[in-house]
């Protein structure tokens, strides 16, 4: 089984799914909630890193255009 690389869009979709589950789930299963929050935290950090890398790349491109 090949491991597929996570993309920004995949992470956003998964985050939206987690949020929808947490909002609609009246059940108070603390273990499930904790797992969802941990996964969401990982996905948020991944997205932040992706945006930071994109920002750096755009900055380099803009600097090259100014030269």
PDB file of N, CA and C in Angstrom:
ATOM      1  N   UNK A   1       0.837  -1.182   0.000  1.00  0.00           N
ATOM      2  CA  UNK A   1       0.000   0.000   0.000  1.00  0.00           C
ATOM      3  C   UNK A   1       0.881   1.244   0.000  1.00  0.00           C
ATOM      4  N   UNK A   2       0.669   2.134  -0.952  1.00  0.00           N
ATOM      5  CA  UNK A   2       1.465   3.345  -1.038  1.00  0.00           C
ATOM      6  C   UNK A   2       0.855   4.433  -0.175  1.00  0.00           C
ATOM      7  N   UNK A   3       1.736   5.212   0.421  1.00  0.00           N
ATOM      8  CA  UNK A   3       1.291   6.294   1.286  1.00  0.00           C
ATOM      9  C   UNK A   3       1.187   7.568   0.448  1.00  0.00           C
ATOM     10  N   UNK A   4      -0.007   8.137   0.390  1.00  0.00           N
ATOM     11  CA  UNK A   4      -0.248   9.329  -0.405  1.00  0.00           C
ATOM     12  C   UNK A   4       0.169  10.561   0.395  1.00  0.00           C
ATOM     13  N   UNK A   5       0.845  11.494  -0.277  1.00  0.00           N
ATOM     14  CA  UNK A   5       1.297  12.715   0.376  1.00  0.00           C
ATOM     15  C   UNK A   5       0.097  13.623   0.635  1.00  0.00           C
ATOM     16  N   UNK A   6       0.057  14.169   1.834  1.00  0.00           N
ATOM     17  CA  UNK A   6      -1.013  15.080   2.222  1.00  0.00           C
ATOM     18  C   UNK A   6      -0.846  16.406   1.485  1.00  0.00           C
ATOM     19  N   UNK A   7      -1.936  16.926   0.959  1.00  0.00           N
ATOM     20  CA  UNK A   7      -1.903  18.227   0.311  1.00  0.00           C
ATOM     21  C   UNK A   7      -2.652  19.240   1.183  1.00  0.00           C
ATOM     22  N   UNK A   8      -2.432  20.502   0.881  1.00  0.00           N
ATOM     23  CA  UNK A   8      -3.108  21.565   1.608  1.00  0.00           C
ATOM     24  C   UNK A   8      -4.623  21.404   1.495  1.00  0.00           C
ATOM     25  N   UNK A   9      -5.099  21.165   0.282  1.00  0.00           N
ATOM     26  CA  UNK A   9      -6.543  21.022   0.069  1.00  0.00           C
ATOM     27  C   UNK A   9      -7.114  19.818   0.812  1.00  0.00           C
ATOM     28  N   UNK A  10      -6.366  18.713   0.815  1.00  0.00           N
ATOM     29  CA  UNK A  10      -6.810  17.533   1.565  1.00  0.00           C
ATOM     30  C   UNK A  10      -6.913  17.845   3.060  1.00  0.00           C
ATOM     31  N   UNK A  11      -5.932  18.576   3.571  1.00  0.00           N
ATOM     32  CA  UNK A  11      -5.927  18.943   4.988  1.00  0.00           C
ATOM     33  C   UNK A  11      -7.118  19.831   5.324  1.00  0.00           C
ATOM     34  N   UNK A  12      -7.427  20.791   4.456  1.00  0.00           N
ATOM     35  CA  UNK A  12      -8.570  21.681   4.688  1.00  0.00           C
ATOM     36  C   UNK A  12      -9.875  20.882   4.684  1.00  0.00           C
ATOM     37  N   UNK A  13     -10.019  19.979   3.735  1.00  0.00           N
ATOM     38  CA  UNK A  13     -11.224  19.156   3.663  1.00  0.00           C
ATOM     39  C   UNK A  13     -11.366  18.317   4.932  1.00  0.00           C
ATOM     40  N   UNK A  14     -10.260  17.737   5.388  1.00  0.00           N
ATOM     41  CA  UNK A  14     -10.319  16.924   6.604  1.00  0.00           C
ATOM     42  C   UNK A  14     -10.647  17.785   7.824  1.00  0.00           C
ATOM     43  N   UNK A  15     -10.064  18.986   7.894  1.00  0.00           N
ATOM     44  CA  UNK A  15     -10.383  19.897   8.998  1.00  0.00           C
ATOM     45  C   UNK A  15     -11.864  20.266   9.002  1.00  0.00           C
ATOM     46  N   UNK A  16     -12.417  20.552   7.833  1.00  0.00           N
ATOM     47  CA  UNK A  16     -13.840  20.880   7.746  1.00  0.00           C
ATOM     48  C   UNK A  16     -14.701  19.698   8.186  1.00  0.00           C
ATOM     49  N   UNK A  17     -14.269  18.506   7.832  1.00  0.00           N
ATOM     50  CA  UNK A  17     -14.997  17.301   8.237  1.00  0.00           C
ATOM     51  C   UNK A  17     -14.955  17.117   9.752  1.00  0.00           C
ATOM     52  N   UNK A  18     -13.783  17.315  10.336  1.00  0.00           N
ATOM     53  CA  UNK A  18     -13.648  17.203  11.791  1.00  0.00           C
ATOM     54  C   UNK A  18     -14.538  18.231  12.477  1.00  0.00           C
ATOM     55  N   UNK A  19     -14.515  19.453  11.995  1.00  0.00           N
ATOM     56  CA  UNK A  19     -15.339  20.508  12.579  1.00  0.00           C
ATOM     57  C   UNK A  19     -16.817  20.161  12.491  1.00  0.00           C
ATOM     58  N   UNK A  20     -17.252  19.687  11.342  1.00  0.00           N
ATOM     59  CA  UNK A  20     -18.654  19.319  11.173  1.00  0.00           C
ATOM     60  C   UNK A  20     -19.044  18.189  12.131  1.00  0.00           C
ATOM     61  N   UNK A  21     -18.161  17.205  12.285  1.00  0.00           N
ATOM     62  CA  UNK A  21     -18.433  16.100  13.201  1.00  0.00           C
ATOM     63  C   UNK A  21     -18.555  16.595  14.637  1.00  0.00           C
ATOM     64  N   UNK A  22     -17.636  17.460  15.033  1.00  0.00           N
ATOM     65  CA  UNK A  22     -17.658  17.965  16.403  1.00  0.00           C
ATOM     66  C   UNK A  22     -18.874  18.841  16.661  1.00  0.00           C
ATOM     67  N   UNK A  23     -19.272  19.615  15.673  1.00  0.00           N
ATOM     68  CA  UNK A  23     -20.441  20.492  15.825  1.00  0.00           C
ATOM     69  C   UNK A  23     -21.742  19.706  15.872  1.00  0.00           C
ATOM     70  N   UNK A  24     -21.830  18.636  15.107  1.00  0.00           N
ATOM     71  CA  UNK A  24     -23.088  17.901  15.009  1.00  0.00           C
ATOM     72  C   UNK A  24     -23.195  16.748  15.997  1.00  0.00           C
ATOM     73  N   UNK A  25     -22.123  16.403  16.639  1.00  0.00           N
ATOM     74  CA  UNK A  25     -22.119  15.250  17.525  1.00  0.00           C
ATOM     75  C   UNK A  25     -22.500  15.673  18.940  1.00  0.00           C
ATOM     76  N   UNK A  26     -23.686  15.269  19.362  1.00  0.00           N
ATOM     77  CA  UNK A  26     -24.157  15.594  20.712  1.00  0.00           C
ATOM     78  C   UNK A  26     -23.523  14.670  21.746  1.00  0.00           C
ATOM     79  N   UNK A  27     -22.921  13.594  21.283  1.00  0.00           N
ATOM     80  CA  UNK A  27     -22.293  12.625  22.165  1.00  0.00           C
ATOM     81  C   UNK A  27     -21.042  13.245  22.794  1.00  0.00           C
ATOM     82  N   UNK A  28     -20.817  12.971  24.045  1.00  0.00           N
ATOM     83  CA  UNK A  28     -19.681  13.547  24.763  1.00  0.00           C
ATOM     84  C   UNK A  28     -18.602  12.500  25.014  1.00  0.00           C
ATOM     85  N   UNK A  29     -18.167  11.836  23.976  1.00  0.00           N
ATOM     86  CA  UNK A  29     -17.098  10.856  24.095  1.00  0.00           C
ATOM     87  C   UNK A  29     -15.772  11.622  24.112  1.00  0.00           C
ATOM     88  N   UNK A  30     -15.239  11.814  25.300  1.00  0.00           N
ATOM     89  CA  UNK A  30     -14.048  12.639  25.467  1.00  0.00           C
ATOM     90  C   UNK A  30     -12.835  12.084  24.723  1.00  0.00           C
ATOM     91  N   UNK A  31     -12.714  10.765  24.646  1.00  0.00           N
ATOM     92  CA  UNK A  31     -11.590  10.174  23.920  1.00  0.00           C
ATOM     93  C   UNK A  31     -11.673  10.510  22.437  1.00  0.00           C
ATOM     94  N   UNK A  32     -12.877  10.404  21.880  1.00  0.00           N
ATOM     95  CA  UNK A  32     -13.085  10.729  20.471  1.00  0.00           C
ATOM     96  C   UNK A  32     -12.820  12.212  20.220  1.00  0.00           C
ATOM     97  N   UNK A  33     -13.329  13.054  21.084  1.00  0.00           N
ATOM     98  CA  UNK A  33     -13.114  14.491  20.941  1.00  0.00           C
ATOM     99  C   UNK A  33     -11.620  14.812  21.029  1.00  0.00           C
ATOM    100  N   UNK A  34     -10.931  14.215  21.971  1.00  0.00           N
ATOM    101  CA  UNK A  34      -9.491  14.454  22.125  1.00  0.00           C
ATOM    102  C   UNK A  34      -8.727  14.024  20.880  1.00  0.00           C
ATOM    103  N   UNK A  35      -9.084  12.861  20.329  1.00  0.00           N
ATOM    104  CA  UNK A  35      -8.434  12.390  19.103  1.00  0.00           C
ATOM    105  C   UNK A  35      -8.673  13.344  17.940  1.00  0.00           C
ATOM    106  N   UNK A  36      -9.902  13.822  17.815  1.00  0.00           N
ATOM    107  CA  UNK A  36     -10.242  14.749  16.730  1.00  0.00           C
ATOM    108  C   UNK A  36      -9.478  16.068  16.876  1.00  0.00           C
ATOM    109  N   UNK A  37      -9.394  16.560  18.103  1.00  0.00           N
ATOM    110  CA  UNK A  37      -8.688  17.822  18.352  1.00  0.00           C
ATOM    111  C   UNK A  37      -7.188  17.662  18.069  1.00  0.00           C
ATOM    112  N   UNK A  38      -6.611  16.532  18.457  1.00  0.00           N
ATOM    113  CA  UNK A  38      -5.201  16.280  18.167  1.00  0.00           C
ATOM    114  C   UNK A  38      -4.952  16.237  16.663  1.00  0.00           C
ATOM    115  N   UNK A  39      -5.825  15.534  15.946  1.00  0.00           N
ATOM    116  CA  UNK A  39      -5.668  15.451  14.489  1.00  0.00           C
ATOM    117  C   UNK A  39      -5.832  16.833  13.860  1.00  0.00           C
ATOM    118  N   UNK A  40      -6.794  17.598  14.330  1.00  0.00           N
ATOM    119  CA  UNK A  40      -7.011  18.947  13.814  1.00  0.00           C
ATOM    120  C   UNK A  40      -5.780  19.809  14.054  1.00  0.00           C
ATOM    121  N   UNK A  41      -5.163  19.672  15.201  1.00  0.00           N
ATOM    122  CA  UNK A  41      -3.956  20.433  15.524  1.00  0.00           C
ATOM    123  C   UNK A  41      -2.827  20.107  14.551  1.00  0.00           C
ATOM    124  N   UNK A  42      -2.664  18.844  14.242  1.00  0.00           N
ATOM    125  CA  UNK A  42      -1.643  18.415  13.271  1.00  0.00           C
ATOM    126  C   UNK A  42      -1.937  19.008  11.900  1.00  0.00           C
ATOM    127  N   UNK A  43      -3.191  18.959  11.489  1.00  0.00           N
ATOM    128  CA  UNK A  43      -3.576  19.487  10.181  1.00  0.00           C
ATOM    129  C   UNK A  43      -3.398  21.005  10.108  1.00  0.00           C
ATOM    130  N   UNK A  44      -3.734  21.690  11.181  1.00  0.00           N
ATOM    131  CA  UNK A  44      -3.568  23.150  11.213  1.00  0.00           C
ATOM    132  C   UNK A  44      -2.091  23.512  11.094  1.00  0.00           C
ATOM    133  N   UNK A  45      -1.243  22.804  11.819  1.00  0.00           N
ATOM    134  CA  UNK A  45       0.201  23.079  11.735  1.00  0.00           C
ATOM    135  C   UNK A  45       0.713  22.804  10.329  1.00  0.00           C
ATOM    136  N   UNK A  46       0.242  21.719   9.713  1.00  0.00           N
ATOM    137  CA  UNK A  46       0.619  21.403   8.337  1.00  0.00           C
ATOM    138  C   UNK A  46       0.229  22.545   7.403  1.00  0.00           C
ATOM    139  N   UNK A  47      -0.996  23.045   7.535  1.00  0.00           N
ATOM    140  CA  UNK A  47      -1.472  24.129   6.676  1.00  0.00           C
ATOM    141  C   UNK A  47      -0.664  25.404   6.903  1.00  0.00           C
ATOM    142  N   UNK A  48      -0.362  25.708   8.155  1.00  0.00           N
ATOM    143  CA  UNK A  48       0.449  26.885   8.460  1.00  0.00           C
ATOM    144  C   UNK A  48       1.818  26.775   7.803  1.00  0.00           C
ATOM    145  N   UNK A  49       2.420  25.594   7.873  1.00  0.00           N
ATOM    146  CA  UNK A  49       3.728  25.384   7.248  1.00  0.00           C
ATOM    147  C   UNK A  49       3.649  25.549   5.731  1.00  0.00           C
ATOM    148  N   UNK A  50       2.599  25.007   5.141  1.00  0.00           N
ATOM    149  CA  UNK A  50       2.426  25.126   3.696  1.00  0.00           C
ATOM    150  C   UNK A  50       2.286  26.592   3.280  1.00  0.00           C
ATOM    151  N   UNK A  51       1.491  27.344   4.035  1.00  0.00           N
ATOM    152  CA  UNK A  51       1.303  28.764   3.728  1.00  0.00           C
ATOM    153  C   UNK A  51       2.594  29.550   3.920  1.00  0.00           C
ATOM    154  N   UNK A  52       3.367  29.209   4.939  1.00  0.00           N
ATOM    155  CA  UNK A  52       4.638  29.872   5.188  1.00  0.00           C
ATOM    156  C   UNK A  52       5.607  29.617   4.033  1.00  0.00           C
ATOM    157  N   UNK A  53       5.686  28.365   3.578  1.00  0.00           N
ATOM    158  CA  UNK A  53       6.552  28.030   2.447  1.00  0.00           C
ATOM    159  C   UNK A  53       6.116  28.763   1.186  1.00  0.00           C
ATOM    160  N   UNK A  54       4.826  28.831   0.961  1.00  0.00           N
ATOM    161  CA  UNK A  54       4.310  29.549  -0.200  1.00  0.00           C
ATOM    162  C   UNK A  54       4.672  31.022  -0.119  1.00  0.00           C
ATOM    163  N   UNK A  55       4.534  31.607   1.056  1.00  0.00           N
ATOM    164  CA  UNK A  55       4.881  33.005   1.255  1.00  0.00           C
ATOM    165  C   UNK A  55       6.355  33.252   0.953  1.00  0.00           C
ATOM    166  N   UNK A  56       7.217  32.359   1.432  1.00  0.00           N
ATOM    167  CA  UNK A  56       8.647  32.496   1.151  1.00  0.00           C
ATOM    168  C   UNK A  56       8.936  32.382  -0.341  1.00  0.00           C
ATOM    169  N   UNK A  57       8.295  31.438  -1.011  1.00  0.00           N
ATOM    170  CA  UNK A  57       8.489  31.274  -2.450  1.00  0.00           C
ATOM    171  C   UNK A  57       8.036  32.517  -3.211  1.00  0.00           C
ATOM    172  N   UNK A  58       6.900  33.055  -2.830  1.00  0.00           N
ATOM    173  CA  UNK A  58       6.401  34.260  -3.496  1.00  0.00           C
ATOM    174  C   UNK A  58       7.324  35.449  -3.249  1.00  0.00           C
ATOM    175  N   UNK A  59       7.852  35.530  -2.048  1.00  0.00           N
ATOM    176  CA  UNK A  59       8.794  36.604  -1.713  1.00  0.00           C
ATOM    177  C   UNK A  59      10.042  36.513  -2.595  1.00  0.00           C
ATOM    178  N   UNK A  60      10.568  35.303  -2.782  1.00  0.00           N
ATOM    179  CA  UNK A  60      11.732  35.106  -3.645  1.00  0.00           C
ATOM    180  C   UNK A  60      11.429  35.519  -5.077  1.00  0.00           C
ATOM    181  N   UNK A  61      10.268  35.125  -5.553  1.00  0.00           N
ATOM    182  CA  UNK A  61       9.881  35.476  -6.920  1.00  0.00           C
ATOM    183  C   UNK A  61       9.765  36.985  -7.076  1.00  0.00           C
ATOM    184  N   UNK A  62       9.151  37.629  -6.108  1.00  0.00           N
ATOM    185  CA  UNK A  62       8.987  39.086  -6.170  1.00  0.00           C
ATOM    186  C   UNK A  62      10.358  39.785  -6.132  1.00  0.00           C
ATOM    187  N   UNK A  63      11.274  39.262  -5.313  1.00  0.00           N
ATOM    188  CA  UNK A  63      12.623  39.831  -5.252  1.00  0.00           C
ATOM    189  C   UNK A  63      13.356  39.653  -6.554  1.00  0.00           C
ATOM    190  N   UNK A  64      13.181  38.521  -7.206  1.00  0.00           N
ATOM    191  CA  UNK A  64      13.814  38.286  -8.504  1.00  0.00           C
ATOM    192  C   UNK A  64      13.271  39.231  -9.564  1.00  0.00           C
ATOM    193  N   UNK A  65      11.987  39.527  -9.486  1.00  0.00           N
ATOM    194  CA  UNK A  65      11.391  40.457 -10.449  1.00  0.00           C
ATOM    195  C   UNK A  65      11.910  41.887 -10.250  1.00  0.00           C
ATOM    196  N   UNK A  66      12.242  42.225  -9.004  1.00  0.00           N
ATOM    197  CA  UNK A  66      12.737  43.564  -8.708  1.00  0.00           C
ATOM    198  C   UNK A  66      14.189  43.750  -9.171  1.00  0.00           C
ATOM    199  N   UNK A  67      14.929  42.640  -9.307  1.00  0.00           N
ATOM    200  CA  UNK A  67      16.348  42.734  -9.706  1.00  0.00           C
ATOM    201  C   UNK A  67      16.519  43.081 -11.145  1.00  0.00           C
TER     202      UNK A  67
END
